[in-house]
Protein backbone atom coordinates (compact mmCIF):
# COMPACT_ATOMS: atom_id res chain seq x y z
CA MET A 1 22.95 -1.27 6.07
CA GLY A 2 23.44 -4.25 3.78
CA THR A 3 23.70 -4.03 0.05
CA ILE A 4 20.37 -4.08 -1.78
CA HIS A 5 20.00 -5.47 -5.26
CA TRP A 6 17.53 -3.17 -6.98
CA GLN A 7 17.69 -3.19 -10.75
CA PRO A 8 16.69 0.13 -12.36
CA PRO A 9 13.89 -0.40 -14.91
CA ASP A 10 15.78 1.66 -17.50
CA PRO A 11 19.50 1.78 -18.48
CA PHE A 12 19.34 5.60 -18.40
CA ILE A 13 18.37 5.70 -14.72
CA GLU A 14 20.99 6.51 -12.11
CA VAL A 15 20.58 5.66 -8.43
CA LEU A 16 21.56 8.69 -6.37
CA HIS A 17 20.71 7.56 -2.86
CA VAL A 18 19.19 4.63 -0.98
CA GLN A 19 17.53 5.27 2.37
CA GLU A 20 16.60 2.22 4.39
CA GLU A 21 13.76 2.55 6.87
CA HIS A 22 12.36 -0.07 9.23
CA SER A 23 9.91 -1.49 6.70
CA SER A 24 10.82 0.25 3.44
CA PHE A 25 13.44 1.53 1.05
CA ILE A 26 13.33 5.00 -0.48
CA ILE A 27 15.49 5.05 -3.59
CA THR A 28 16.30 8.42 -5.15
CA ILE A 29 16.79 8.13 -8.92
CA GLN A 30 17.13 10.37 -11.96
CA SER A 31 17.48 10.06 -15.70
CA THR A 32 20.95 10.42 -17.19
CA SER A 33 19.79 11.18 -20.75
CA GLN A 34 20.95 14.49 -22.15
CA SER A 35 17.87 15.03 -24.29
CA CYS A 36 14.22 14.03 -24.44
CA PRO A 37 11.77 13.82 -27.35
CA CYS A 38 8.68 15.99 -27.17
CA PRO A 39 5.63 13.73 -26.65
CA HIS A 40 3.58 15.94 -28.99
CA CYS A 41 5.85 16.45 -32.03
CA GLY A 42 8.66 13.92 -31.39
CA VAL A 43 11.48 16.44 -31.90
CA PRO A 44 14.28 15.89 -29.34
CA SER A 45 14.98 18.69 -26.91
CA SER A 46 18.28 19.23 -25.14
CA ARG A 47 17.22 22.38 -23.30
CA PRO A 48 16.05 21.62 -19.74
CA HIS A 49 13.43 23.84 -18.11
CA SER A 50 13.22 22.68 -14.48
CA ARG A 51 12.95 19.64 -12.23
CA TYR A 52 10.35 18.21 -9.90
CA THR A 53 10.01 15.07 -7.82
CA ARG A 54 7.57 12.19 -8.11
CA LEU A 55 6.98 9.39 -5.63
CA VAL A 56 6.56 6.07 -7.44
CA GLN A 57 5.74 2.70 -5.89
CA ASP A 58 7.77 -0.28 -7.12
CA LEU A 59 7.91 -3.98 -6.33
CA PRO A 60 9.22 -4.83 -2.85
CA ILE A 61 12.72 -5.97 -2.01
CA GLY A 62 12.51 -8.86 0.41
CA GLU A 63 10.07 -7.84 3.11
CA LYS A 64 10.42 -4.10 2.55
CA SER A 65 8.28 -1.90 0.34
CA VAL A 66 10.06 0.26 -2.24
CA THR A 67 9.31 3.89 -3.03
CA LEU A 68 11.20 5.59 -5.82
CA LEU A 69 11.85 9.30 -5.43
CA LEU A 70 12.11 10.16 -9.11
CA LEU A 71 13.77 13.46 -10.01
CA THR A 72 12.02 14.31 -13.28
CA ARG A 73 13.06 17.05 -15.66
CA LYS A 74 10.86 19.35 -17.68
CA TRP A 75 12.11 20.40 -21.10
CA PHE A 76 11.47 23.23 -23.57
CA CYS A 77 10.15 22.20 -26.99
CA ASP A 78 11.85 24.50 -29.47
CA HIS A 79 10.03 23.16 -32.53
CA ASN A 80 8.26 26.18 -34.05
CA VAL A 81 5.04 24.45 -35.09
CA CYS A 82 4.57 22.44 -31.86
CA ASP A 83 1.82 23.61 -29.51
CA MET A 84 3.58 22.13 -26.47
CA LYS A 85 6.20 24.57 -25.20
CA ILE A 86 7.17 22.75 -22.00
CA PHE A 87 6.90 19.01 -21.33
CA SER A 88 8.01 16.46 -18.75
CA GLU A 89 10.26 13.48 -19.33
CA ARG A 90 8.43 10.28 -20.18
CA TYR A 91 9.55 6.83 -19.11
CA GLU A 92 8.65 3.54 -20.81
CA TRP A 93 8.36 1.81 -17.43
CA LEU A 94 5.94 4.37 -15.99
CA SER A 95 2.59 5.64 -17.22
CA VAL A 96 2.34 9.39 -17.87
CA ASN A 97 0.70 10.21 -14.53
CA GLY A 98 1.65 6.92 -12.90
CA ARG A 99 2.19 6.48 -9.20
CA ARG A 100 3.46 2.93 -9.68
CA THR A 101 5.91 1.28 -12.04
CA LEU A 102 4.26 -0.74 -14.79
CA ARG A 103 5.70 -3.94 -13.29
CA ALA A 104 4.14 -3.14 -9.89
CA GLU A 105 0.85 -2.25 -11.56
CA GLU A 106 0.85 -5.54 -13.50
CA PHE A 107 1.47 -7.45 -10.26
CA LEU A 108 -1.45 -5.63 -8.62
CA ARG A 109 -3.63 -6.29 -11.69
CA LYS A 110 -3.05 -10.03 -11.24
CA ILE A 111 -4.06 -9.77 -7.59
CA ALA A 112 -7.14 -7.70 -8.43
CA PHE A 113 -8.39 -10.17 -11.05
CA SER A 114 -7.60 -13.21 -8.90
CA THR A 115 -9.56 -12.31 -5.79
CA SER A 116 -11.98 -9.78 -4.39
CA CYS A 117 -10.52 -6.32 -4.00
CA LEU A 118 -11.00 -6.39 -0.22
CA ASN A 119 -8.98 -9.62 0.01
CA GLY A 120 -6.58 -8.29 -2.62
CA GLU A 121 -5.87 -5.27 -0.41
CA LYS A 122 -4.87 -7.61 2.44
CA LEU A 123 -2.77 -9.77 0.12
CA ALA A 124 -0.98 -6.76 -1.39
CA LYS A 125 -0.22 -5.44 2.09
CA ALA A 126 1.17 -8.84 3.10
CA MET A 127 3.32 -8.75 -0.08
CA HIS A 128 4.65 -5.30 0.98
CA ILE A 129 2.85 -3.37 -1.76
CA PRO A 130 0.35 -1.37 0.29
CA VAL A 131 -2.69 -0.24 -1.74
CA SER A 132 -6.35 0.24 -0.97
CA HIS A 133 -9.15 -1.83 -2.43
CA ASP A 134 -10.23 1.30 -4.33
CA VAL A 135 -6.87 1.34 -6.12
CA LEU A 136 -7.37 -2.30 -7.11
CA LEU A 137 -10.85 -1.44 -8.39
CA SER A 138 -9.45 1.43 -10.47
CA ILE A 139 -6.81 -0.91 -11.94
CA ILE A 140 -9.61 -3.30 -12.96
CA ARG A 141 -11.66 -0.45 -14.48
CA LYS A 142 -8.82 0.91 -16.58
CA THR A 143 -7.77 -2.51 -17.88
CA ASP A 144 -8.63 -2.90 -21.54
CA LEU A 145 -10.42 -6.23 -21.73
CA GLN A 146 -10.96 -7.90 -25.06
CA PRO A 147 -14.30 -9.71 -25.26
CA GLU A 148 -13.88 -13.45 -25.52
CA ILE A 149 -15.85 -15.50 -27.98
CA SER A 150 -17.63 -18.32 -26.24
CA PRO A 151 -17.38 -21.78 -27.79
CA PHE A 152 -20.98 -22.38 -26.67
CA CYS A 153 -23.91 -21.40 -28.89
CA GLY A 154 -25.90 -18.39 -27.73
CA TYR A 155 -23.23 -17.05 -25.33
């Protein structure tokens, strides 16, 4: 296997393992931070609860799709007045329940707004980011669009 040049989206991410398949890479990663702020109260926690895995789609490398196997920790929130007792790590480069990195989602958003979603599905597959047209439609629906002001009267 040759050397791949995948840049982690966060300086606190450590690459544990890279598995090369025929048409894809599976990259196992985890956070190296020793604490995590509670998303509800903001108080940092340094007491881990457990771990679970998430599969996250990222941009391709060459002609191979990339799946990140993200080992995510759950933490205890020890702040007395916080209602959240256990929470999961959050990442700036990944939405809370995201299945794709934000950079992959932005790339797919550009495809979805540039063409029909049926053609976008084919284009994304050719670009080694396999998604369905329904995924592209959901990306369009959840995009916050600001209404434009028309320079023409009455529009």
